Amino acid sequence: MRVELKVEELEVLVSALVRAKFDDPQAFEPYFGSPTLAGAHRAILGALLSECEKAGDNRRLIRWQKWMEWPGRKHERDLVASHAASQENWPEWDEPTRLAVLRAYSSPFFPTDAELMELIILIDEMRA
């Protein structure tokens, strides 16, 4: 299936999903940790970046690339950590499962493995 959207429509969709997800994660259940939604959200963001690149709109492209950076996302990081720490099964999950869960929780952003490992340490401390 193919859906054609203008760059402005993609921007609104990416922004609206982030607001819906991170303004009130409890209200966004069961979608907050959905790998399906995480993949779709990242695909929409990827399409937006691709369209900016095709159009030669480097200014817009750079703005969105900067927007995606995880280190500046303290609010989102704190919500991801809090949400993960509240999961009853957290102590039972192995590292690959924890990483996969945190990738879904942090979507559409792309924290590195090192940043996710720091988040795991923070979550474990929150649960202690």
N, C-alpha and C. Protein backbone atom coordinates (compact mmCIF):
# COMPACT_ATOMS: atom_id res chain seq x y z
N MET A 1 0.84 -1.16 0.00
CA MET A 1 0.00 0.00 0.00
C MET A 1 0.89 1.24 0.00
N ARG A 2 0.48 2.23 -0.72
CA ARG A 2 1.25 3.46 -0.81
C ARG A 2 0.34 4.64 -0.49
N VAL A 3 0.81 5.49 0.39
CA VAL A 3 0.07 6.70 0.76
C VAL A 3 0.97 7.88 0.43
N GLU A 4 0.45 8.82 -0.31
CA GLU A 4 1.23 9.99 -0.69
C GLU A 4 0.82 11.17 0.19
N LEU A 5 1.80 11.74 0.88
CA LEU A 5 1.56 12.90 1.73
C LEU A 5 2.56 13.99 1.38
N LYS A 6 2.13 15.22 1.54
CA LYS A 6 3.03 16.36 1.36
C LYS A 6 3.95 16.45 2.57
N VAL A 7 5.06 17.14 2.40
CA VAL A 7 6.02 17.31 3.49
C VAL A 7 5.34 17.92 4.71
N GLU A 8 4.51 18.91 4.50
CA GLU A 8 3.82 19.57 5.61
C GLU A 8 2.92 18.59 6.35
N GLU A 9 2.27 17.69 5.63
CA GLU A 9 1.41 16.69 6.25
C GLU A 9 2.23 15.68 7.06
N LEU A 10 3.38 15.30 6.52
CA LEU A 10 4.27 14.40 7.26
C LEU A 10 4.76 15.06 8.55
N GLU A 11 5.10 16.35 8.46
CA GLU A 11 5.57 17.07 9.64
C GLU A 11 4.50 17.10 10.73
N VAL A 12 3.28 17.38 10.34
CA VAL A 12 2.18 17.43 11.31
C VAL A 12 1.95 16.05 11.92
N LEU A 13 2.00 15.03 11.10
CA LEU A 13 1.78 13.67 11.59
C LEU A 13 2.87 13.24 12.58
N VAL A 14 4.12 13.49 12.24
CA VAL A 14 5.23 13.15 13.14
C VAL A 14 5.07 13.91 14.46
N SER A 15 4.81 15.19 14.39
CA SER A 15 4.68 16.01 15.60
C SER A 15 3.48 15.60 16.44
N ALA A 16 2.35 15.33 15.80
CA ALA A 16 1.14 14.93 16.52
C ALA A 16 1.34 13.61 17.25
N LEU A 17 2.01 12.66 16.60
CA LEU A 17 2.27 11.38 17.25
C LEU A 17 3.18 11.54 18.46
N VAL A 18 4.18 12.39 18.35
CA VAL A 18 5.08 12.63 19.49
C VAL A 18 4.31 13.26 20.64
N ARG A 19 3.48 14.24 20.33
CA ARG A 19 2.69 14.88 21.39
C ARG A 19 1.74 13.88 22.04
N ALA A 20 1.05 13.10 21.22
CA ALA A 20 0.11 12.12 21.77
C ALA A 20 0.83 11.13 22.66
N LYS A 21 2.00 10.71 22.25
CA LYS A 21 2.75 9.69 22.98
C LYS A 21 3.38 10.24 24.25
N PHE A 22 4.02 11.38 24.18
CA PHE A 22 4.83 11.85 25.30
C PHE A 22 4.16 12.89 26.19
N ASP A 23 3.02 13.43 25.79
CA ASP A 23 2.33 14.37 26.67
C ASP A 23 1.65 13.63 27.82
N ASP A 24 1.11 12.45 27.55
CA ASP A 24 0.46 11.65 28.60
C ASP A 24 0.56 10.17 28.21
N PRO A 25 1.71 9.54 28.55
CA PRO A 25 1.92 8.15 28.13
C PRO A 25 0.87 7.17 28.65
N GLN A 26 0.31 7.44 29.83
CA GLN A 26 -0.72 6.54 30.35
C GLN A 26 -1.96 6.56 29.47
N ALA A 27 -2.31 7.74 28.98
CA ALA A 27 -3.48 7.86 28.11
C ALA A 27 -3.20 7.25 26.73
N PHE A 28 -1.93 7.11 26.40
CA PHE A 28 -1.55 6.60 25.07
C PHE A 28 -1.45 5.07 25.06
N GLU A 29 -1.72 4.43 26.17
CA GLU A 29 -1.72 2.97 26.21
C GLU A 29 -2.88 2.45 25.38
N PRO A 30 -2.73 1.36 24.73
CA PRO A 30 -1.63 0.41 24.75
C PRO A 30 -0.58 0.68 23.68
N TYR A 31 -0.57 1.88 23.14
CA TYR A 31 0.29 2.17 21.99
C TYR A 31 1.68 2.66 22.36
N PHE A 32 1.89 3.11 23.59
CA PHE A 32 3.17 3.70 23.98
C PHE A 32 4.35 2.79 23.65
N GLY A 33 4.24 1.51 23.95
CA GLY A 33 5.33 0.57 23.69
C GLY A 33 5.11 -0.33 22.50
N SER A 34 4.17 0.03 21.65
CA SER A 34 3.85 -0.82 20.50
C SER A 34 4.99 -0.82 19.47
N PRO A 35 5.59 -1.98 19.21
CA PRO A 35 6.62 -2.04 18.18
C PRO A 35 6.05 -1.70 16.79
N THR A 36 4.79 -2.02 16.57
CA THR A 36 4.16 -1.71 15.29
C THR A 36 4.05 -0.21 15.09
N LEU A 37 3.56 0.49 16.12
CA LEU A 37 3.46 1.94 16.02
C LEU A 37 4.85 2.58 15.96
N ALA A 38 5.79 2.04 16.73
CA ALA A 38 7.16 2.58 16.70
C ALA A 38 7.73 2.49 15.28
N GLY A 39 7.53 1.35 14.63
CA GLY A 39 8.03 1.19 13.26
C GLY A 39 7.34 2.14 12.29
N ALA A 40 6.03 2.28 12.45
CA ALA A 40 5.29 3.19 11.57
C ALA A 40 5.73 4.63 11.78
N HIS A 41 5.91 5.01 13.03
CA HIS A 41 6.32 6.38 13.35
C HIS A 41 7.70 6.68 12.76
N ARG A 42 8.61 5.72 12.90
CA ARG A 42 9.95 5.91 12.33
C ARG A 42 9.90 5.93 10.80
N ALA A 43 9.01 5.14 10.21
CA ALA A 43 8.86 5.14 8.74
C ALA A 43 8.33 6.49 8.25
N ILE A 44 7.39 7.06 8.99
CA ILE A 44 6.85 8.37 8.62
C ILE A 44 7.96 9.42 8.71
N LEU A 45 8.73 9.36 9.79
CA LEU A 45 9.84 10.30 9.95
C LEU A 45 10.87 10.09 8.84
N GLY A 46 11.16 8.84 8.50
CA GLY A 46 12.09 8.55 7.40
C GLY A 46 11.59 9.10 6.08
N ALA A 47 10.29 8.98 5.84
CA ALA A 47 9.71 9.52 4.60
C ALA A 47 9.84 11.04 4.58
N LEU A 48 9.63 11.66 5.72
CA LEU A 48 9.77 13.11 5.82
C LEU A 48 11.20 13.53 5.49
N LEU A 49 12.18 12.86 6.08
CA LEU A 49 13.58 13.18 5.80
C LEU A 49 13.92 12.96 4.34
N SER A 50 13.42 11.87 3.79
CA SER A 50 13.68 11.56 2.38
C SER A 50 13.09 12.62 1.45
N GLU A 51 11.87 13.06 1.76
CA GLU A 51 11.24 14.09 0.93
C GLU A 51 11.98 15.42 1.02
N CYS A 52 12.46 15.76 2.21
CA CYS A 52 13.24 17.00 2.37
C CYS A 52 14.51 16.91 1.53
N GLU A 53 15.14 15.74 1.57
CA GLU A 53 16.38 15.54 0.81
C GLU A 53 16.11 15.62 -0.69
N LYS A 54 15.05 14.95 -1.16
CA LYS A 54 14.71 14.98 -2.59
C LYS A 54 14.42 16.39 -3.08
N ALA A 55 13.76 17.17 -2.22
CA ALA A 55 13.39 18.54 -2.60
C ALA A 55 14.57 19.50 -2.47
N GLY A 56 15.69 19.01 -1.91
CA GLY A 56 16.85 19.87 -1.72
C GLY A 56 16.64 20.89 -0.62
N ASP A 57 15.71 20.60 0.27
CA ASP A 57 15.40 21.51 1.38
C ASP A 57 16.30 21.17 2.57
N ASN A 58 17.58 21.54 2.43
CA ASN A 58 18.57 21.21 3.45
C ASN A 58 18.28 21.85 4.79
N ARG A 59 17.75 23.03 4.77
CA ARG A 59 17.42 23.71 6.02
C ARG A 59 16.39 22.91 6.83
N ARG A 60 15.34 22.47 6.16
CA ARG A 60 14.30 21.68 6.81
C ARG A 60 14.87 20.32 7.23
N LEU A 61 15.67 19.72 6.37
CA LEU A 61 16.27 18.42 6.67
C LEU A 61 17.14 18.50 7.94
N ILE A 62 17.98 19.50 8.01
CA ILE A 62 18.87 19.67 9.16
C ILE A 62 18.05 19.93 10.43
N ARG A 63 16.98 20.72 10.31
CA ARG A 63 16.12 21.00 11.47
C ARG A 63 15.52 19.71 12.01
N TRP A 64 15.04 18.84 11.12
CA TRP A 64 14.44 17.58 11.57
C TRP A 64 15.50 16.61 12.10
N GLN A 65 16.67 16.60 11.48
CA GLN A 65 17.73 15.74 12.00
C GLN A 65 18.14 16.17 13.40
N LYS A 66 18.21 17.46 13.64
CA LYS A 66 18.53 17.97 14.96
C LYS A 66 17.40 17.63 15.94
N TRP A 67 16.17 17.75 15.50
CA TRP A 67 15.01 17.43 16.32
C TRP A 67 15.05 15.97 16.79
N MET A 68 15.58 15.08 15.97
CA MET A 68 15.60 13.64 16.27
C MET A 68 16.62 13.27 17.34
N GLU A 69 17.56 14.13 17.63
CA GLU A 69 18.67 13.78 18.52
C GLU A 69 18.17 13.45 19.92
N TRP A 70 18.54 12.29 20.40
CA TRP A 70 18.10 11.80 21.71
C TRP A 70 18.70 12.57 22.89
N PRO A 71 19.98 12.96 22.86
CA PRO A 71 20.55 13.62 24.04
C PRO A 71 19.78 14.87 24.50
N GLY A 72 19.11 15.56 23.61
CA GLY A 72 18.35 16.75 23.99
C GLY A 72 16.93 16.44 24.45
N ARG A 73 16.59 15.20 24.56
CA ARG A 73 15.22 14.77 24.85
C ARG A 73 15.04 14.33 26.30
N LYS A 74 15.33 15.21 27.23
CA LYS A 74 15.23 14.87 28.65
C LYS A 74 13.81 14.48 29.05
N HIS A 75 12.83 15.24 28.62
CA HIS A 75 11.43 14.94 28.96
C HIS A 75 11.04 13.54 28.49
N GLU A 76 11.34 13.24 27.25
CA GLU A 76 11.01 11.94 26.68
C GLU A 76 11.80 10.83 27.37
N ARG A 77 13.10 11.10 27.63
CA ARG A 77 13.94 10.11 28.31
C ARG A 77 13.38 9.78 29.68
N ASP A 78 12.99 10.81 30.42
CA ASP A 78 12.44 10.59 31.75
C ASP A 78 11.13 9.80 31.71
N LEU A 79 10.28 10.09 30.72
CA LEU A 79 9.03 9.34 30.58
C LEU A 79 9.28 7.89 30.20
N VAL A 80 10.22 7.67 29.30
CA VAL A 80 10.57 6.30 28.91
C VAL A 80 11.09 5.53 30.12
N ALA A 81 11.97 6.15 30.89
CA ALA A 81 12.53 5.49 32.07
C ALA A 81 11.44 5.19 33.09
N SER A 82 10.59 6.14 33.34
CA SER A 82 9.51 5.96 34.31
C SER A 82 8.55 4.86 33.88
N HIS A 83 8.21 4.87 32.61
CA HIS A 83 7.29 3.86 32.08
C HIS A 83 7.92 2.46 32.16
N ALA A 84 9.17 2.37 31.79
CA ALA A 84 9.86 1.07 31.84
C ALA A 84 9.99 0.59 33.28
N ALA A 85 10.33 1.51 34.19
CA ALA A 85 10.50 1.13 35.59
C ALA A 85 9.19 0.62 36.20
N SER A 86 8.07 1.03 35.64
CA SER A 86 6.77 0.61 36.18
C SER A 86 6.33 -0.77 35.68
N GLN A 87 7.08 -1.34 34.75
CA GLN A 87 6.71 -2.63 34.19
C GLN A 87 7.09 -3.76 35.15
N GLU A 88 6.11 -4.55 35.54
CA GLU A 88 6.34 -5.63 36.49
C GLU A 88 7.39 -6.63 36.00
N ASN A 89 7.42 -6.88 34.71
CA ASN A 89 8.33 -7.89 34.14
C ASN A 89 9.75 -7.38 33.91
N TRP A 90 10.01 -6.10 34.14
CA TRP A 90 11.33 -5.53 33.85
C TRP A 90 12.48 -6.37 34.40
N PRO A 91 12.43 -6.81 35.67
CA PRO A 91 13.58 -7.57 36.20
C PRO A 91 13.79 -8.92 35.50
N GLU A 92 12.76 -9.45 34.90
CA GLU A 92 12.84 -10.76 34.24
C GLU A 92 13.38 -10.66 32.81
N TRP A 93 13.31 -9.50 32.22
CA TRP A 93 13.71 -9.34 30.83
C TRP A 93 15.23 -9.37 30.70
N ASP A 94 15.71 -10.06 29.67
CA ASP A 94 17.14 -10.05 29.39
C ASP A 94 17.50 -8.76 28.64
N GLU A 95 18.79 -8.55 28.44
CA GLU A 95 19.24 -7.30 27.82
C GLU A 95 18.66 -7.06 26.43
N PRO A 96 18.65 -8.06 25.52
CA PRO A 96 18.06 -7.80 24.20
C PRO A 96 16.58 -7.40 24.27
N THR A 97 15.85 -8.01 25.19
CA THR A 97 14.43 -7.66 25.36
C THR A 97 14.30 -6.23 25.88
N ARG A 98 15.11 -5.90 26.88
CA ARG A 98 15.08 -4.54 27.42
C ARG A 98 15.40 -3.51 26.34
N LEU A 99 16.42 -3.80 25.54
CA LEU A 99 16.79 -2.87 24.46
C LEU A 99 15.66 -2.72 23.46
N ALA A 100 15.03 -3.82 23.08
CA ALA A 100 13.91 -3.76 22.12
C ALA A 100 12.75 -2.95 22.69
N VAL A 101 12.43 -3.17 23.95
CA VAL A 101 11.35 -2.43 24.60
C VAL A 101 11.68 -0.94 24.63
N LEU A 102 12.90 -0.61 25.02
CA LEU A 102 13.29 0.80 25.10
C LEU A 102 13.32 1.47 23.72
N ARG A 103 13.67 0.71 22.69
CA ARG A 103 13.62 1.28 21.33
C ARG A 103 12.19 1.62 20.95
N ALA A 104 11.25 0.74 21.28
CA ALA A 104 9.84 1.01 20.99
C ALA A 104 9.34 2.19 21.81
N TYR A 105 9.71 2.23 23.09
CA TYR A 105 9.28 3.32 23.96
C TYR A 105 9.82 4.67 23.47
N SER A 106 11.04 4.69 22.97
CA SER A 106 11.68 5.95 22.60
C SER A 106 11.37 6.40 21.18
N SER A 107 10.69 5.60 20.42
CA SER A 107 10.32 5.95 19.05
C SER A 107 9.54 7.26 19.04
N PRO A 108 9.79 8.12 18.08
CA PRO A 108 10.52 7.94 16.84
C PRO A 108 11.99 8.31 16.93
N PHE A 109 12.48 8.57 18.13
CA PHE A 109 13.87 8.95 18.30
C PHE A 109 14.76 7.71 18.22
N PHE A 110 16.04 7.93 18.00
CA PHE A 110 16.98 6.83 17.78
C PHE A 110 18.14 6.87 18.78
N PRO A 111 17.88 6.56 20.04
CA PRO A 111 19.01 6.52 20.97
C PRO A 111 19.99 5.44 20.57
N THR A 112 21.25 5.70 20.80
CA THR A 112 22.29 4.70 20.51
C THR A 112 22.21 3.58 21.54
N ASP A 113 22.91 2.48 21.26
CA ASP A 113 22.96 1.39 22.24
C ASP A 113 23.56 1.87 23.55
N ALA A 114 24.57 2.74 23.49
CA ALA A 114 25.19 3.27 24.71
C ALA A 114 24.18 4.10 25.50
N GLU A 115 23.40 4.91 24.80
CA GLU A 115 22.38 5.71 25.48
C GLU A 115 21.29 4.82 26.09
N LEU A 116 20.95 3.74 25.40
CA LEU A 116 19.96 2.80 25.94
C LEU A 116 20.52 2.08 27.16
N MET A 117 21.80 1.75 27.13
CA MET A 117 22.41 1.09 28.29
C MET A 117 22.40 2.03 29.50
N GLU A 118 22.66 3.31 29.28
CA GLU A 118 22.57 4.29 30.36
C GLU A 118 21.14 4.35 30.91
N LEU A 119 20.19 4.24 30.02
CA LEU A 119 18.79 4.25 30.43
C LEU A 119 18.45 3.01 31.26
N ILE A 120 18.99 1.87 30.88
CA ILE A 120 18.78 0.63 31.64
C ILE A 120 19.32 0.79 33.07
N ILE A 121 20.49 1.39 33.19
CA ILE A 121 21.08 1.63 34.52
C ILE A 121 20.16 2.54 35.34
N LEU A 122 19.68 3.60 34.71
CA LEU A 122 18.77 4.53 35.38
C LEU A 122 17.49 3.82 35.83
N ILE A 123 16.93 3.00 34.97
CA ILE A 123 15.69 2.29 35.30
C ILE A 123 15.93 1.32 36.46
N ASP A 124 17.04 0.61 36.42
CA ASP A 124 17.36 -0.31 37.52
C ASP A 124 17.52 0.45 38.84
N GLU A 125 18.12 1.63 38.78
CA GLU A 125 18.26 2.46 39.99
C GLU A 125 16.90 2.93 40.48
N MET A 126 16.01 3.28 39.56
CA MET A 126 14.66 3.72 39.93
C MET A 126 13.89 2.60 40.62
N ARG A 127 14.15 1.38 40.22
CA ARG A 127 13.42 0.23 40.78
C ARG A 127 14.02 -0.24 42.10
N ALA A 128 15.25 0.17 42.39
CA ALA A 128 15.94 -0.31 43.60
C ALA A 128 15.32 0.24 44.88
